[in-house]
Amino acid sequence: MTEQEIMKCEELMKEAIGVARQARKEFDYIRQHYLSDDMYKCEMSQRRSDRHWGQAEGVYRALKRLGYEHDEMITLEKLINW
């Protein structure tokens, strides 16, 4: 990989980590809305969480396929494997 490609991959990885963290927050909201019996908000949070998780997992898989290696990839892997 060229230096520019490595920088782009690192940028994508960091963005995916942020998105995965957002997915976890949304998942916590699902629990809160479910316990308060607000099924509309529960469903909306579920959709957002699924979308964010899917985006983070897709970036992770693409980076792995490209052979990108970085210490933070472990963090991303842990965030999407919950």
N, C-alpha and C. Protein backbone atom coordinates (compact mmCIF):
# COMPACT_ATOMS: atom_id res chain seq x y z
N MET A 1 0.85 -1.19 0.00
CA MET A 1 0.00 0.00 0.00
C MET A 1 0.88 1.24 0.00
N THR A 2 0.40 2.23 -0.69
CA THR A 2 1.12 3.50 -0.68
C THR A 2 0.81 4.25 0.61
N GLU A 3 1.60 5.26 0.91
CA GLU A 3 1.40 6.06 2.11
C GLU A 3 0.02 6.73 2.10
N GLN A 4 -0.41 7.19 0.95
CA GLN A 4 -1.71 7.84 0.82
C GLN A 4 -2.84 6.82 1.08
N GLU A 5 -2.70 5.61 0.57
CA GLU A 5 -3.72 4.58 0.80
C GLU A 5 -3.79 4.21 2.28
N ILE A 6 -2.64 4.14 2.92
CA ILE A 6 -2.60 3.82 4.35
C ILE A 6 -3.31 4.91 5.15
N MET A 7 -3.08 6.17 4.78
CA MET A 7 -3.73 7.28 5.47
C MET A 7 -5.25 7.24 5.28
N LYS A 8 -5.69 6.91 4.07
CA LYS A 8 -7.14 6.81 3.80
C LYS A 8 -7.75 5.67 4.62
N CYS A 9 -7.05 4.54 4.68
CA CYS A 9 -7.54 3.40 5.46
C CYS A 9 -7.63 3.75 6.94
N GLU A 10 -6.64 4.46 7.44
CA GLU A 10 -6.65 4.85 8.85
C GLU A 10 -7.83 5.80 9.13
N GLU A 11 -8.08 6.71 8.20
CA GLU A 11 -9.20 7.62 8.34
C GLU A 11 -10.53 6.85 8.36
N LEU A 12 -10.68 5.89 7.47
CA LEU A 12 -11.88 5.06 7.43
C LEU A 12 -12.04 4.27 8.72
N MET A 13 -10.93 3.72 9.21
CA MET A 13 -10.97 2.92 10.42
C MET A 13 -11.44 3.77 11.61
N LYS A 14 -10.88 4.97 11.73
CA LYS A 14 -11.27 5.84 12.84
C LYS A 14 -12.74 6.25 12.74
N GLU A 15 -13.20 6.51 11.54
CA GLU A 15 -14.61 6.83 11.34
C GLU A 15 -15.49 5.63 11.72
N ALA A 16 -15.07 4.44 11.34
CA ALA A 16 -15.84 3.23 11.66
C ALA A 16 -15.88 3.00 13.16
N ILE A 17 -14.82 3.30 13.86
CA ILE A 17 -14.82 3.16 15.32
C ILE A 17 -15.85 4.10 15.93
N GLY A 18 -15.91 5.33 15.45
CA GLY A 18 -16.92 6.28 15.93
C GLY A 18 -18.33 5.81 15.64
N VAL A 19 -18.54 5.27 14.46
CA VAL A 19 -19.86 4.77 14.08
C VAL A 19 -20.24 3.56 14.93
N ALA A 20 -19.29 2.69 15.21
CA ALA A 20 -19.55 1.51 16.05
C ALA A 20 -19.91 1.93 17.47
N ARG A 21 -19.24 2.95 17.97
CA ARG A 21 -19.58 3.46 19.31
C ARG A 21 -20.98 4.05 19.31
N GLN A 22 -21.34 4.73 18.24
CA GLN A 22 -22.69 5.27 18.12
C GLN A 22 -23.73 4.15 18.09
N ALA A 23 -23.40 3.05 17.42
CA ALA A 23 -24.31 1.90 17.38
C ALA A 23 -24.54 1.36 18.79
N ARG A 24 -23.49 1.32 19.58
CA ARG A 24 -23.65 0.86 20.97
C ARG A 24 -24.54 1.78 21.78
N LYS A 25 -24.37 3.10 21.58
CA LYS A 25 -25.23 4.06 22.29
C LYS A 25 -26.69 3.86 21.88
N GLU A 26 -26.91 3.71 20.59
CA GLU A 26 -28.28 3.48 20.10
C GLU A 26 -28.86 2.20 20.70
N PHE A 27 -28.03 1.19 20.85
CA PHE A 27 -28.51 -0.06 21.43
C PHE A 27 -28.92 0.14 22.88
N ASP A 28 -28.19 0.98 23.61
CA ASP A 28 -28.58 1.30 24.98
C ASP A 28 -29.92 2.03 25.00
N TYR A 29 -30.16 2.90 24.02
CA TYR A 29 -31.44 3.59 23.93
C TYR A 29 -32.58 2.60 23.67
N ILE A 30 -32.28 1.55 22.92
CA ILE A 30 -33.32 0.54 22.66
C ILE A 30 -33.81 -0.04 23.98
N ARG A 31 -32.88 -0.39 24.84
CA ARG A 31 -33.25 -0.94 26.15
C ARG A 31 -34.10 0.04 26.95
N GLN A 32 -33.67 1.30 26.96
CA GLN A 32 -34.40 2.32 27.72
C GLN A 32 -35.83 2.48 27.18
N HIS A 33 -35.96 2.56 25.88
CA HIS A 33 -37.29 2.74 25.29
C HIS A 33 -38.16 1.50 25.48
N TYR A 34 -37.53 0.34 25.43
CA TYR A 34 -38.28 -0.90 25.63
C TYR A 34 -38.82 -0.96 27.07
N LEU A 35 -37.98 -0.61 28.02
CA LEU A 35 -38.40 -0.64 29.42
C LEU A 35 -39.47 0.41 29.72
N SER A 36 -39.45 1.52 28.99
CA SER A 36 -40.47 2.54 29.19
C SER A 36 -41.69 2.29 28.31
N ASP A 37 -41.68 1.17 27.59
CA ASP A 37 -42.80 0.74 26.75
C ASP A 37 -43.11 1.72 25.62
N ASP A 38 -42.08 2.35 25.08
CA ASP A 38 -42.23 3.24 23.94
C ASP A 38 -41.71 2.50 22.70
N MET A 39 -42.59 1.73 22.09
CA MET A 39 -42.18 0.85 21.00
C MET A 39 -41.78 1.62 19.73
N TYR A 40 -42.37 2.78 19.53
CA TYR A 40 -42.00 3.58 18.35
C TYR A 40 -40.53 4.00 18.44
N LYS A 41 -40.15 4.59 19.57
CA LYS A 41 -38.76 5.01 19.75
C LYS A 41 -37.82 3.81 19.82
N CYS A 42 -38.29 2.73 20.38
CA CYS A 42 -37.50 1.50 20.44
C CYS A 42 -37.17 1.02 19.03
N GLU A 43 -38.16 1.00 18.17
CA GLU A 43 -37.98 0.55 16.79
C GLU A 43 -37.05 1.50 16.02
N MET A 44 -37.22 2.80 16.21
CA MET A 44 -36.36 3.77 15.53
C MET A 44 -34.90 3.61 15.97
N SER A 45 -34.70 3.41 17.27
CA SER A 45 -33.33 3.22 17.77
C SER A 45 -32.74 1.92 17.25
N GLN A 46 -33.58 0.90 17.12
CA GLN A 46 -33.12 -0.37 16.58
C GLN A 46 -32.63 -0.21 15.15
N ARG A 47 -33.39 0.52 14.34
CA ARG A 47 -33.00 0.75 12.94
C ARG A 47 -31.68 1.53 12.85
N ARG A 48 -31.56 2.57 13.67
CA ARG A 48 -30.32 3.36 13.66
C ARG A 48 -29.13 2.53 14.11
N SER A 49 -29.33 1.75 15.16
CA SER A 49 -28.25 0.90 15.67
C SER A 49 -27.82 -0.11 14.62
N ASP A 50 -28.78 -0.74 13.96
CA ASP A 50 -28.47 -1.71 12.91
C ASP A 50 -27.70 -1.06 11.76
N ARG A 51 -28.13 0.12 11.36
CA ARG A 51 -27.46 0.82 10.25
C ARG A 51 -26.02 1.18 10.62
N HIS A 52 -25.82 1.72 11.81
CA HIS A 52 -24.48 2.09 12.24
C HIS A 52 -23.58 0.86 12.39
N TRP A 53 -24.12 -0.19 12.98
CA TRP A 53 -23.35 -1.41 13.15
C TRP A 53 -22.96 -1.99 11.79
N GLY A 54 -23.90 -2.02 10.87
CA GLY A 54 -23.63 -2.56 9.53
C GLY A 54 -22.57 -1.76 8.80
N GLN A 55 -22.62 -0.44 8.95
CA GLN A 55 -21.62 0.41 8.31
C GLN A 55 -20.23 0.12 8.89
N ALA A 56 -20.14 0.03 10.21
CA ALA A 56 -18.85 -0.24 10.86
C ALA A 56 -18.33 -1.62 10.47
N GLU A 57 -19.20 -2.60 10.43
CA GLU A 57 -18.76 -3.95 10.07
C GLU A 57 -18.31 -4.00 8.60
N GLY A 58 -19.01 -3.30 7.73
CA GLY A 58 -18.63 -3.26 6.32
C GLY A 58 -17.25 -2.65 6.11
N VAL A 59 -16.97 -1.56 6.82
CA VAL A 59 -15.65 -0.93 6.72
C VAL A 59 -14.59 -1.88 7.27
N TYR A 60 -14.89 -2.52 8.39
CA TYR A 60 -13.93 -3.46 8.99
C TYR A 60 -13.60 -4.58 8.01
N ARG A 61 -14.61 -5.17 7.41
CA ARG A 61 -14.38 -6.26 6.46
C ARG A 61 -13.58 -5.81 5.24
N ALA A 62 -13.90 -4.61 4.74
CA ALA A 62 -13.18 -4.09 3.58
C ALA A 62 -11.71 -3.86 3.92
N LEU A 63 -11.44 -3.29 5.07
CA LEU A 63 -10.06 -3.04 5.47
C LEU A 63 -9.29 -4.35 5.67
N LYS A 64 -9.95 -5.33 6.26
CA LYS A 64 -9.32 -6.64 6.43
C LYS A 64 -9.00 -7.27 5.09
N ARG A 65 -9.93 -7.15 4.15
CA ARG A 65 -9.75 -7.72 2.82
C ARG A 65 -8.57 -7.06 2.09
N LEU A 66 -8.40 -5.77 2.34
CA LEU A 66 -7.29 -5.04 1.73
C LEU A 66 -5.94 -5.37 2.39
N GLY A 67 -6.01 -6.03 3.53
CA GLY A 67 -4.78 -6.38 4.24
C GLY A 67 -4.28 -5.26 5.14
N TYR A 68 -5.15 -4.33 5.47
CA TYR A 68 -4.76 -3.22 6.33
C TYR A 68 -4.61 -3.71 7.77
N GLU A 69 -3.49 -3.34 8.38
CA GLU A 69 -3.23 -3.73 9.77
C GLU A 69 -2.90 -2.49 10.58
N HIS A 70 -3.51 -2.42 11.75
CA HIS A 70 -3.30 -1.30 12.66
C HIS A 70 -3.75 -1.76 14.04
N ASP A 71 -3.15 -1.21 15.08
CA ASP A 71 -3.52 -1.60 16.44
C ASP A 71 -4.98 -1.32 16.75
N GLU A 72 -5.52 -0.24 16.20
CA GLU A 72 -6.91 0.13 16.45
C GLU A 72 -7.92 -0.80 15.76
N MET A 73 -7.45 -1.61 14.85
CA MET A 73 -8.36 -2.58 14.20
C MET A 73 -8.91 -3.55 15.24
N ILE A 74 -8.13 -3.84 16.26
CA ILE A 74 -8.58 -4.72 17.35
C ILE A 74 -9.74 -4.04 18.08
N THR A 75 -9.62 -2.74 18.32
CA THR A 75 -10.69 -1.99 18.96
C THR A 75 -11.96 -2.05 18.13
N LEU A 76 -11.82 -1.84 16.85
CA LEU A 76 -12.97 -1.88 15.95
C LEU A 76 -13.60 -3.27 15.96
N GLU A 77 -12.77 -4.28 15.94
CA GLU A 77 -13.29 -5.67 15.95
C GLU A 77 -14.08 -5.93 17.23
N LYS A 78 -13.57 -5.48 18.36
CA LYS A 78 -14.27 -5.68 19.62
C LYS A 78 -15.61 -4.93 19.65
N LEU A 79 -15.62 -3.73 19.07
CA LEU A 79 -16.86 -2.95 19.06
C LEU A 79 -17.95 -3.57 18.20
N ILE A 80 -17.58 -4.23 17.11
CA ILE A 80 -18.62 -4.78 16.24
C ILE A 80 -18.98 -6.22 16.62
N ASN A 81 -18.19 -6.86 17.44
CA ASN A 81 -18.48 -8.23 17.86
C ASN A 81 -19.09 -8.26 19.26
N TRP A 82 -20.21 -7.63 19.42
CA TRP A 82 -20.90 -7.60 20.71
C TRP A 82 -22.12 -8.39 20.58
